[in-house]
Amino acid sequence: MTNAPLMLSVSGLRGIVGHSLTPEVAARFAACYAAFLRERAGAARPTVVLGRDGRAGNTMLHHAALAGLVGAGVDVYDIGVAMTPTVAVATDALAAKSKGPVAGMVLTASHNPQQWNGLKCLLAERPDSFGSAACAPPASLAGKIVERFRANSPAYVEWNAVGTVQSPTSADAHHVARVLQAIEEVGLTDDAPALGVGLKFAADSVNASGVQGCQQLLEALGVDEFCHLGNDTSGLFPHPPEPTLDNLSAPGGLCDAVRENGCAAGFAQDPDADRLALIDDQGRYIGEEYTLVLGTLAILESMKRTGEKTQGRTLAANLSTSRMIDDIASRYGCTVLRTAVGEANVVSAMKESTSIVGGEGNGGVIWPRVTYVRDSLSAIALTIGLIKMFGKPLSAIAAEIPSYSIVKRKVDLSDTSQARAAAEKVARHFASERLDLQDGVRVDIESKRAWLHVRGSNTEPIMRLIAEAPTTQIANQLLDEAARAIDLPGAPQEAKKH
């Protein structure tokens, strides 16, 4: 394969297995991360919690990364196939009882197709009052890891200083227990095993890392019956793994399973189970944008009902997340901090402002009571709690939230600098509107209750153009206007005015 990309960003490293991502690349990146950790730790010996999303073929990279870590002098807790948030929870748990520094690493390419894989780093520093700390490193530190990798300086150690390997087996159960504790603490339930009684659910774990955790959580919540698609451990995705409408509404898919089994909702995880898309009780794709909104609603409403103050509290979301989160926040007297796209950027804002919840519109709920990583298990538990708390179908709850139409387009890039140039053109074109230049350009057009965001992806060689408005027509008009400003090939011509 010619021109196979190797993406390096705040999200770590991603590439195509056997081409841009080989065992040598994986071992070297892991060793560079280990060297970075050792440099920060001084005389202390770091430990890395290592997990993988279970996609077929990543056993090879798992062994390569393991060799790179121990070869560069860190100890490893290898928890095997695990969700990204599970690795974060395990990292926090180990850090709480370890004398030395603890970090995490996940082998995953998230929602990317089968041939992709990657390595994602997690740092566990400055735990909050809940003991949560592990998260993607901020851009300043992620840049240092990437610089070391580009400089090819993994700093391997002598034979008598290589790391050790342990393989604990209770990571999923510990993660589920932490979610159960969190929903009880905020008053969503006094008895977690009874939360799902009388309800049926369907789930799709795409034969990857979310299989065991999803099953254990639904059982722990007392769910009477659930239909579990994509529940084997082959790592072969039964459909394209991104939890989008097209991928979930195909015949025999999750939407059909919800309708045919009379389920209260459907839960769609991506391969590393940090994202969740929702299907309502009618078998309709609600999508990923509602996941954070409904999870936030569950937290804030439960706080209100138990007498805990919500006024003046802070939430966080990235620039590409629906304004529905702002509507929910204002209902409870909260404010929303907007950040550049990327989990690390959202988490940095959350930690600085002690946000009670945050996340991204790609189905990523970040709940500090559980972890500072996007977590599908938290989102599942919050959704079930919301249904029980309101005593209404999910479709009815969602219908009461002011809705918008969000339209997303993407453009393949040969050079990432093209995205920066495009954003500059869009900023000049919309100079009279409110602009946010943290990440590409976001244009807020209050007269239309709409916004537009143009930016380069952190994980793929593409440029994303996203618009949200009260109607699909207005959103598409904004995207067409942006395409003309950028002078994209095939951009719709502006209609003549009469």
Protein backbone atom coordinates (compact mmCIF):
# COMPACT_ATOMS: atom_id res chain seq x y z
CA MET A 1 0.00 0.00 0.00
CA THR A 2 1.55 3.30 -1.07
CA ASN A 3 1.28 6.46 1.02
CA ALA A 4 -0.13 4.61 4.06
CA PRO A 5 -0.50 7.33 6.71
CA LEU A 6 1.06 7.27 10.16
CA MET A 7 -0.89 9.74 12.28
CA LEU A 8 0.86 11.32 15.30
CA SER A 9 -1.17 13.63 17.52
CA VAL A 10 -2.50 14.27 21.02
CA SER A 11 -4.45 11.06 20.45
CA GLY A 12 -1.22 9.05 20.15
CA LEU A 13 -0.19 7.07 17.08
CA ARG A 14 -2.35 5.44 14.42
CA GLY A 15 -1.46 3.66 11.21
CA ILE A 16 -2.28 0.79 8.88
CA VAL A 17 -0.99 -2.55 10.13
CA GLY A 18 1.77 -4.06 8.00
CA HIS A 19 2.39 -0.77 6.21
CA SER A 20 2.79 2.41 8.24
CA LEU A 21 2.32 0.51 11.52
CA THR A 22 4.70 -2.43 11.91
CA PRO A 23 6.00 -4.33 14.97
CA GLU A 24 9.14 -2.19 14.85
CA VAL A 25 7.11 1.04 14.87
CA ALA A 26 4.93 -0.18 17.76
CA ALA A 27 7.92 -1.28 19.83
CA ARG A 28 9.78 1.97 19.19
CA PHE A 29 6.80 4.18 20.06
CA ALA A 30 6.17 2.17 23.25
CA ALA A 31 9.85 2.39 24.17
CA CYS A 32 9.86 6.15 23.57
CA TYR A 33 6.84 6.47 25.86
CA ALA A 34 8.65 4.39 28.49
CA ALA A 35 11.73 6.59 28.19
CA PHE A 36 9.54 9.69 28.55
CA LEU A 37 8.00 8.22 31.73
CA ARG A 38 11.38 7.28 33.18
CA GLU A 39 12.72 10.76 32.51
CA ARG A 40 9.78 12.31 34.37
CA ALA A 41 9.99 9.79 37.22
CA GLY A 42 13.64 10.36 38.09
CA ALA A 43 14.89 7.55 40.31
CA ALA A 44 11.44 5.93 40.68
CA ARG A 45 10.53 3.03 38.41
CA PRO A 46 7.31 3.57 36.41
CA THR A 47 4.62 0.96 35.78
CA VAL A 48 2.39 0.97 32.69
CA VAL A 49 -1.06 -0.63 32.58
CA LEU A 50 -1.35 -2.10 29.07
CA GLY A 51 -4.59 -3.06 27.30
CA ARG A 52 -5.81 -3.65 23.76
CA ASP A 53 -9.18 -3.25 22.04
CA GLY A 54 -9.29 -6.86 20.80
CA ARG A 55 -9.48 -6.16 17.08
CA ALA A 56 -8.18 -9.04 14.98
CA GLY A 57 -4.46 -8.78 14.33
CA ASN A 58 -3.49 -6.64 17.29
CA THR A 59 -1.95 -9.52 19.25
CA MET A 60 1.19 -8.98 17.18
CA LEU A 61 1.33 -5.27 18.04
CA HIS A 62 0.51 -6.08 21.65
CA HIS A 63 3.64 -8.22 21.94
CA ALA A 64 5.70 -5.58 20.15
CA ALA A 65 4.49 -2.80 22.45
CA LEU A 66 5.05 -4.99 25.50
CA ALA A 67 8.63 -5.64 24.38
CA GLY A 68 9.20 -1.94 23.81
CA LEU A 69 7.93 -1.00 27.27
CA VAL A 70 9.89 -3.57 29.28
CA GLY A 71 12.93 -3.16 27.03
CA ALA A 72 13.01 0.53 27.92
CA GLY A 73 12.88 -0.20 31.62
CA VAL A 74 9.29 0.03 32.87
CA ASP A 75 7.19 -2.63 34.58
CA VAL A 76 3.92 -3.64 32.90
CA TYR A 77 0.50 -4.67 34.19
CA ASP A 78 -0.85 -6.41 31.11
CA ILE A 79 -4.66 -6.63 31.37
CA GLY A 80 -5.14 -7.97 27.84
CA VAL A 81 -8.31 -7.17 25.90
CA ALA A 82 -9.84 -4.17 27.65
CA MET A 83 -11.85 -1.06 26.96
CA THR A 84 -9.89 2.19 26.92
CA PRO A 85 -11.81 3.49 29.97
CA THR A 86 -11.11 0.18 31.73
CA VAL A 87 -7.40 0.76 31.26
CA ALA A 88 -7.84 4.22 32.77
CA VAL A 89 -9.78 2.87 35.77
CA ALA A 90 -7.15 0.15 36.28
CA THR A 91 -4.39 2.76 36.04
CA ASP A 92 -6.03 4.87 38.75
CA ALA A 93 -6.53 1.83 40.98
CA LEU A 94 -2.89 0.80 40.65
CA ALA A 95 -1.64 4.36 41.16
CA ALA A 96 -3.58 4.57 44.43
CA LYS A 97 -1.57 1.70 45.94
CA SER A 98 1.75 1.97 44.12
CA LYS A 99 4.82 3.69 45.50
CA GLY A 100 6.07 4.59 42.03
CA PRO A 101 4.50 6.49 39.11
CA VAL A 102 1.82 4.69 37.08
CA ALA A 103 0.65 5.34 33.51
CA GLY A 104 -1.39 3.53 30.87
CA MET A 105 -1.23 2.52 27.22
CA VAL A 106 -3.98 1.17 24.97
CA LEU A 107 -3.56 -0.53 21.61
CA THR A 108 -6.52 0.80 19.66
CA ALA A 109 -7.56 2.70 16.57
CA SER A 110 -10.96 3.48 18.08
CA HIS A 111 -13.58 3.59 15.31
CA ASN A 112 -11.12 3.27 12.41
CA PRO A 113 -11.60 0.32 10.01
CA GLN A 114 -10.20 -3.16 10.59
CA GLN A 115 -6.77 -2.59 9.00
CA TRP A 116 -5.96 0.32 11.31
CA ASN A 117 -4.44 0.17 14.77
CA GLY A 118 -2.70 2.53 17.12
CA LEU A 119 -1.15 3.25 20.50
CA LYS A 120 -2.77 5.66 22.94
CA CYS A 121 -1.01 6.95 26.05
CA LEU A 122 -2.61 7.70 29.43
CA LEU A 123 -1.01 9.66 32.27
CA ALA A 124 -2.20 9.43 35.89
CA GLU A 125 -1.21 12.63 37.64
CA ARG A 126 -2.96 14.92 40.14
CA PRO A 127 -5.88 12.66 41.20
CA ASP A 128 -9.11 14.46 42.06
CA SER A 129 -11.34 13.90 45.09
CA PHE A 130 -12.77 10.75 43.48
CA GLY A 131 -9.32 9.29 42.87
CA SER A 132 -9.63 9.76 39.10
CA ALA A 133 -6.56 10.97 37.24
CA ALA A 134 -5.66 8.81 34.23
CA CYS A 135 -6.28 10.58 30.95
CA ALA A 136 -4.75 11.34 27.59
CA PRO A 137 -1.73 13.63 28.07
CA PRO A 138 -2.17 17.33 27.34
CA ALA A 139 -0.82 18.58 24.03
CA SER A 140 2.39 19.89 25.60
CA LEU A 141 3.34 16.45 26.96
CA ALA A 142 1.97 14.49 23.99
CA GLY A 143 4.25 16.62 21.84
CA LYS A 144 7.29 15.55 23.84
CA ILE A 145 6.42 11.87 23.35
CA VAL A 146 6.03 12.42 19.60
CA GLU A 147 9.29 14.39 19.44
CA ARG A 148 11.18 11.54 21.08
CA PHE A 149 9.64 9.06 18.63
CA ARG A 150 10.55 11.21 15.62
CA ALA A 151 14.08 11.58 16.99
CA ASN A 152 14.27 7.77 17.24
CA SER A 153 15.49 7.85 20.85
CA PRO A 154 13.75 5.02 22.72
CA ALA A 155 16.60 4.65 25.27
CA TYR A 156 16.56 0.88 25.79
CA VAL A 157 18.10 -0.41 29.01
CA GLU A 158 20.67 -3.10 29.89
CA TRP A 159 19.62 -6.71 30.44
CA ASN A 160 19.48 -6.35 34.21
CA ALA A 161 17.20 -3.29 34.12
CA VAL A 162 14.40 -4.52 31.84
CA GLY A 163 10.89 -4.36 33.21
CA THR A 164 8.72 -7.09 34.66
CA VAL A 165 5.26 -8.21 33.50
CA GLN A 166 2.19 -9.10 35.57
CA SER A 167 -1.22 -10.07 34.19
CA PRO A 168 -4.13 -9.28 36.57
CA THR A 169 -7.59 -10.47 35.47
CA SER A 170 -10.21 -8.37 37.31
CA ALA A 171 -10.09 -5.11 35.34
CA ASP A 172 -13.60 -5.32 33.80
CA ALA A 173 -15.21 -6.17 37.14
CA HIS A 174 -13.45 -3.27 38.86
CA HIS A 175 -14.61 -0.87 36.15
CA VAL A 176 -18.23 -2.05 36.47
CA ALA A 177 -18.05 -1.71 40.26
CA ARG A 178 -16.83 1.87 39.91
CA VAL A 179 -19.77 2.73 37.64
CA LEU A 180 -22.24 1.16 40.06
CA GLN A 181 -20.75 3.14 42.93
CA ALA A 182 -20.99 6.38 40.92
CA ILE A 183 -24.69 6.04 40.06
CA GLU A 184 -25.49 5.32 43.69
CA GLU A 185 -23.44 8.31 44.89
CA VAL A 186 -25.38 10.78 42.72
CA GLY A 187 -28.73 9.33 43.75
CA LEU A 188 -29.72 7.68 40.49
CA THR A 189 -30.48 4.57 42.51
CA ASP A 190 -30.26 3.25 46.05
CA ASP A 191 -30.02 -0.28 44.76
CA ALA A 192 -28.00 -0.73 41.57
CA PRO A 193 -29.07 -4.36 40.97
CA ALA A 194 -32.68 -3.16 40.73
CA LEU A 195 -32.11 -0.31 38.27
CA GLY A 196 -32.70 -2.42 35.16
CA VAL A 197 -35.48 -4.63 36.51
CA GLY A 198 -38.45 -4.76 34.14
CA LEU A 199 -36.47 -3.43 31.19
CA LYS A 200 -35.02 -5.05 28.07
CA PHE A 201 -32.05 -3.71 26.17
CA ALA A 202 -30.01 -4.51 23.07
CA ALA A 203 -26.31 -3.88 22.57
CA ASP A 204 -23.72 -4.14 19.82
CA SER A 205 -20.08 -4.47 20.92
CA VAL A 206 -18.66 -5.16 17.42
CA ASN A 207 -16.82 -8.28 18.68
CA ALA A 208 -14.26 -6.14 20.45
CA SER A 209 -13.23 -4.97 23.91
CA GLY A 210 -16.67 -3.87 25.15
CA VAL A 211 -18.21 -7.37 25.10
CA GLN A 212 -17.46 -8.46 28.66
CA GLY A 213 -17.86 -5.08 30.34
CA CYS A 214 -21.21 -4.39 28.68
CA GLN A 215 -22.54 -7.81 29.63
CA GLN A 216 -21.30 -7.55 33.21
CA LEU A 217 -22.80 -4.07 33.66
CA LEU A 218 -26.25 -5.00 32.33
CA GLU A 219 -26.30 -8.09 34.54
CA ALA A 220 -25.18 -6.05 37.57
CA LEU A 221 -28.01 -3.57 36.94
CA GLY A 222 -30.54 -6.39 37.02
CA VAL A 223 -31.62 -6.04 33.39
CA ASP A 224 -34.24 -8.71 32.78
CA GLU A 225 -33.22 -9.50 29.23
CA PHE A 226 -30.82 -8.17 26.65
CA CYS A 227 -29.94 -8.99 23.07
CA HIS A 228 -26.20 -8.75 22.54
CA LEU A 229 -24.97 -8.38 18.96
CA GLY A 230 -21.27 -8.48 18.12
CA ASN A 231 -20.61 -10.42 21.32
CA ASP A 232 -17.85 -12.86 20.33
CA THR A 233 -14.14 -12.38 20.89
CA SER A 234 -12.96 -12.80 17.30
CA GLY A 235 -12.06 -9.14 16.90
CA LEU A 236 -13.61 -9.24 13.42
CA PHE A 237 -16.03 -6.36 13.08
CA PRO A 238 -19.48 -7.52 11.84
CA HIS A 239 -19.92 -4.14 10.12
CA PRO A 240 -17.89 -0.92 9.85
CA PRO A 241 -17.19 -0.23 13.52
CA GLU A 242 -18.06 3.46 13.82
CA PRO A 243 -21.49 3.62 15.53
CA THR A 244 -23.22 5.69 12.84
CA LEU A 245 -26.76 5.56 11.44
CA ASP A 246 -25.72 3.68 8.30
CA ASN A 247 -23.78 1.07 10.25
CA LEU A 248 -26.51 0.39 12.81
CA SER A 249 -29.67 0.58 10.70
CA ALA A 250 -28.74 -2.14 8.18
CA PRO A 251 -31.08 -5.19 8.12
CA GLY A 252 -30.46 -7.40 11.13
CA GLY A 253 -28.58 -4.64 12.92
CA LEU A 254 -29.09 -2.97 16.26
CA CYS A 255 -32.08 -0.86 15.21
CA ASP A 256 -33.92 -4.01 14.12
CA ALA A 257 -32.93 -5.82 17.32
CA VAL A 258 -34.45 -3.08 19.48
CA ARG A 259 -37.75 -3.16 17.59
CA GLU A 260 -38.01 -6.94 17.31
CA ASN A 261 -37.25 -7.55 21.00
CA GLY A 262 -39.31 -4.69 22.47
CA CYS A 263 -36.25 -3.08 24.06
CA ALA A 264 -36.18 0.15 26.02
CA ALA A 265 -32.99 1.21 24.20
CA GLY A 266 -30.05 -0.01 22.16
CA PHE A 267 -26.40 0.64 23.01
CA ALA A 268 -23.71 0.68 20.30
CA GLN A 269 -20.06 0.66 21.35
CA ASP A 270 -17.03 1.25 19.17
CA PRO A 271 -14.03 -1.17 19.31
CA ASP A 272 -12.35 0.33 22.36
CA ALA A 273 -15.73 1.12 23.97
CA ASP A 274 -15.03 4.73 24.84
CA ARG A 275 -17.93 5.91 22.66
CA LEU A 276 -21.62 5.04 22.73
CA ALA A 277 -24.43 5.69 20.25
CA LEU A 278 -28.06 5.30 21.30
CA ILE A 279 -31.09 3.69 19.68
CA ASP A 280 -34.45 4.69 21.21
CA ASP A 281 -37.33 2.40 22.16
CA GLN A 282 -38.84 2.77 18.68
CA GLY A 283 -35.69 1.39 17.09
CA ARG A 284 -34.69 4.82 15.81
CA TYR A 285 -31.09 5.96 15.76
CA ILE A 286 -30.79 8.84 18.21
CA GLY A 287 -27.10 8.91 17.58
CA GLU A 288 -23.96 9.97 19.32
CA GLU A 289 -24.77 13.65 19.86
CA TYR A 290 -27.53 12.74 22.32
CA THR A 291 -25.32 10.48 24.44
CA LEU A 292 -23.51 13.26 26.28
CA VAL A 293 -26.69 15.35 26.50
CA LEU A 294 -28.76 12.56 28.05
CA GLY A 295 -25.94 11.49 30.37
CA THR A 296 -25.56 15.08 31.56
CA LEU A 297 -29.32 15.37 32.04
CA ALA A 298 -29.28 12.23 34.22
CA ILE A 299 -26.50 13.60 36.42
CA LEU A 300 -27.94 17.10 36.82
CA GLU A 301 -31.51 15.96 37.42
CA SER A 302 -30.42 13.41 40.03
CA MET A 303 -28.34 16.11 41.76
CA LYS A 304 -31.35 18.43 41.77
CA ARG A 305 -33.67 15.77 43.18
CA THR A 306 -31.25 14.94 45.99
CA GLY A 307 -30.76 18.61 46.87
CA GLU A 308 -27.22 18.99 45.56
CA LYS A 309 -26.50 22.40 44.04
CA THR A 310 -26.20 22.59 40.25
CA GLN A 311 -26.26 26.40 39.93
CA GLY A 312 -22.88 27.73 38.88
CA ARG A 313 -21.37 24.33 38.15
CA THR A 314 -19.23 23.81 35.07
CA LEU A 315 -19.43 21.34 32.19
CA ALA A 316 -17.01 20.95 29.28
CA ALA A 317 -17.41 19.96 25.63
CA ASN A 318 -15.42 20.38 22.46
CA LEU A 319 -16.15 22.87 19.70
CA SER A 320 -17.79 20.23 17.47
CA THR A 321 -20.35 19.15 20.08
CA SER A 322 -24.04 19.99 19.65
CA ARG A 323 -25.45 23.08 21.33
CA MET A 324 -28.00 20.78 22.98
CA ILE A 325 -25.50 20.52 25.84
CA ASP A 326 -25.74 24.30 26.30
CA ASP A 327 -29.56 24.06 26.47
CA ILE A 328 -29.40 21.40 29.19
CA ALA A 329 -26.73 23.33 31.09
CA SER A 330 -28.78 26.53 31.13
CA ARG A 331 -31.80 24.60 32.44
CA TYR A 332 -29.83 23.77 35.59
CA GLY A 333 -27.84 27.01 35.87
CA CYS A 334 -24.55 25.54 34.59
CA THR A 335 -22.04 26.88 32.11
CA VAL A 336 -20.26 25.00 29.31
CA LEU A 337 -16.58 25.46 28.57
CA ARG A 338 -15.76 24.88 24.89
CA THR A 339 -12.40 23.35 23.99
CA ALA A 340 -10.42 22.22 20.99
CA VAL A 341 -11.42 18.78 19.70
CA GLY A 342 -9.64 15.92 21.41
CA GLU A 343 -10.27 14.14 24.67
CA ALA A 344 -7.08 15.55 26.18
CA ASN A 345 -8.24 19.12 25.58
CA VAL A 346 -11.66 18.50 27.13
CA VAL A 347 -10.11 16.78 30.16
CA SER A 348 -7.62 19.61 30.73
CA ALA A 349 -10.52 22.07 30.89
CA MET A 350 -12.49 19.74 33.16
CA LYS A 351 -9.65 19.39 35.63
CA GLU A 352 -8.93 23.11 35.70
CA SER A 353 -12.59 23.98 36.32
CA THR A 354 -13.57 20.91 38.40
CA SER A 355 -16.32 20.09 35.89
CA ILE A 356 -18.91 17.58 37.06
CA VAL A 357 -19.20 16.03 33.60
CA GLY A 358 -17.89 16.65 30.11
CA GLY A 359 -17.25 14.97 26.82
CA GLU A 360 -17.58 15.08 23.09
CA GLY A 361 -20.44 14.82 20.62
CA ASN A 362 -19.06 11.57 19.22
CA GLY A 363 -20.79 9.64 21.98
CA GLY A 364 -18.07 10.28 24.53
CA VAL A 365 -19.18 10.85 28.14
CA ILE A 366 -16.40 11.76 30.59
CA TRP A 367 -17.59 11.38 34.17
CA PRO A 368 -14.87 12.08 36.75
CA ARG A 369 -16.62 9.95 39.37
CA VAL A 370 -15.58 7.00 37.20
CA THR A 371 -12.70 8.13 34.97
CA TYR A 372 -11.31 11.05 32.97
CA VAL A 373 -11.63 9.00 29.78
CA ARG A 374 -14.71 8.74 27.55
CA ASP A 375 -16.63 5.78 28.89
CA SER A 376 -19.45 3.81 27.26
CA LEU A 377 -20.25 1.96 30.50
CA SER A 378 -20.91 5.22 32.33
CA ALA A 379 -23.10 6.33 29.43
CA ILE A 380 -25.08 3.07 29.49
CA ALA A 381 -25.71 3.26 33.24
CA LEU A 382 -26.71 6.95 33.06
CA THR A 383 -29.15 6.25 30.21
CA ILE A 384 -30.81 3.41 32.09
CA GLY A 385 -30.97 5.58 35.22
CA LEU A 386 -32.54 8.40 33.22
CA ILE A 387 -35.28 6.12 31.86
CA LYS A 388 -36.07 4.89 35.38
CA MET A 389 -35.89 8.35 36.96
CA PHE A 390 -38.27 10.01 34.48
CA GLY A 391 -40.49 6.97 34.07
CA LYS A 392 -40.76 7.69 30.35
CA PRO A 393 -39.57 5.99 27.16
CA LEU A 394 -36.21 7.16 25.88
CA SER A 395 -37.89 8.52 22.75
CA ALA A 396 -40.11 10.78 24.87
CA ILE A 397 -37.20 12.04 26.97
CA ALA A 398 -35.16 12.84 23.87
CA ALA A 399 -38.14 14.60 22.25
CA GLU A 400 -38.28 17.10 25.13
CA ILE A 401 -34.75 18.35 24.39
CA PRO A 402 -34.59 21.22 21.85
CA SER A 403 -33.33 19.56 18.69
CA TYR A 404 -31.05 20.71 15.92
CA SER A 405 -29.79 19.24 12.70
CA ILE A 406 -26.08 18.54 12.59
CA VAL A 407 -24.46 17.74 9.23
CA LYS A 408 -20.91 16.48 8.85
CA ARG A 409 -18.71 16.35 5.76
CA LYS A 410 -15.11 15.37 5.30
CA VAL A 411 -12.48 16.06 2.67
CA ASP A 412 -9.42 13.89 2.05
CA LEU A 413 -6.12 15.72 2.45
CA SER A 414 -2.70 15.14 0.97
CA ASP A 415 -1.11 17.58 3.44
CA THR A 416 -2.38 18.63 6.89
CA SER A 417 -1.45 22.24 6.14
CA GLN A 418 -4.41 22.31 3.75
CA ALA A 419 -6.78 22.25 6.73
CA ARG A 420 -5.09 25.27 8.31
CA ALA A 421 -5.32 27.24 5.08
CA ALA A 422 -8.99 26.30 4.69
CA ALA A 423 -9.80 27.43 8.23
CA GLU A 424 -8.13 30.78 7.59
CA LYS A 425 -10.27 31.31 4.48
CA VAL A 426 -13.45 30.47 6.37
CA ALA A 427 -12.48 32.85 9.20
CA ARG A 428 -11.98 35.69 6.72
CA HIS A 429 -15.29 34.93 5.01
CA PHE A 430 -17.25 34.96 8.28
CA ALA A 431 -15.23 37.73 9.94
CA SER A 432 -18.36 39.57 11.08
CA GLU A 433 -19.59 36.59 13.14
CA ARG A 434 -18.30 35.28 16.48
CA LEU A 435 -15.17 33.21 15.83
CA ASP A 436 -13.30 30.69 17.96
CA LEU A 437 -9.81 29.88 16.66
CA GLN A 438 -8.73 27.27 19.22
CA ASP A 439 -9.01 24.44 16.70
CA GLY A 440 -9.36 25.42 13.07
CA VAL A 441 -12.27 27.85 13.16
CA ARG A 442 -15.71 27.68 14.71
CA VAL A 443 -18.22 30.28 13.53
CA ASP A 444 -21.25 30.98 15.74
CA ILE A 445 -24.12 32.63 13.88
CA GLU A 446 -26.60 33.58 16.59
CA SER A 447 -29.07 35.12 14.14
CA LYS A 448 -29.62 31.62 12.74
CA ARG A 449 -29.05 29.72 16.02
CA ALA A 450 -26.36 27.89 14.10
CA TRP A 451 -22.62 27.19 14.08
CA LEU A 452 -19.99 25.94 11.66
CA HIS A 453 -16.67 24.22 12.48
CA VAL A 454 -13.83 23.59 10.01
CA ARG A 455 -10.73 21.73 11.21
CA GLY A 456 -8.18 19.05 10.37
CA SER A 457 -8.64 15.65 12.00
CA ASN A 458 -6.20 14.51 14.72
CA THR A 459 -6.56 10.85 13.77
CA GLU A 460 -7.12 10.67 9.98
CA PRO A 461 -5.68 12.53 6.94
CA ILE A 462 -8.93 14.44 6.42
CA MET A 463 -10.54 17.82 7.02
CA ARG A 464 -13.88 17.92 8.81
CA LEU A 465 -16.63 20.44 8.07
CA ILE A 466 -19.49 20.38 10.58
CA ALA A 467 -22.54 22.60 10.82
CA GLU A 468 -25.49 22.62 13.19
CA ALA A 469 -28.71 24.58 12.75
CA PRO A 470 -32.43 24.31 13.49
CA THR A 471 -32.93 22.62 10.09
CA THR A 472 -30.88 20.40 7.79
CA GLN A 473 -31.37 22.91 5.00
CA ILE A 474 -29.73 25.73 6.95
CA ALA A 475 -26.88 23.46 8.07
CA ASN A 476 -26.21 22.38 4.48
CA GLN A 477 -26.35 26.00 3.30
CA LEU A 478 -23.64 26.88 5.83
CA LEU A 479 -21.49 23.96 4.68
CA ASP A 480 -21.97 24.97 1.04
CA GLU A 481 -20.98 28.54 1.89
CA ALA A 482 -17.86 27.29 3.68
CA ALA A 483 -16.98 25.05 0.71
CA ARG A 484 -17.21 28.05 -1.63
CA ALA A 485 -15.05 30.14 0.72
CA ILE A 486 -12.41 27.39 0.75
CA ASP A 487 -12.85 26.89 -3.02
CA LEU A 488 -13.27 23.15 -2.68
CA PRO A 489 -13.61 21.25 -5.97
CA GLY A 490 -17.28 20.66 -6.73
CA ALA A 491 -18.51 23.21 -4.20
CA PRO A 492 -22.14 24.20 -4.96
CA GLN A 493 -22.40 27.54 -6.67
CA GLU A 494 -24.28 30.27 -4.86
CA ALA A 495 -27.83 30.66 -6.09
CA LYS A 496 -28.45 33.77 -8.12
CA LYS A 497 -30.43 36.46 -6.32
CA HIS A 498 -33.45 37.87 -8.14
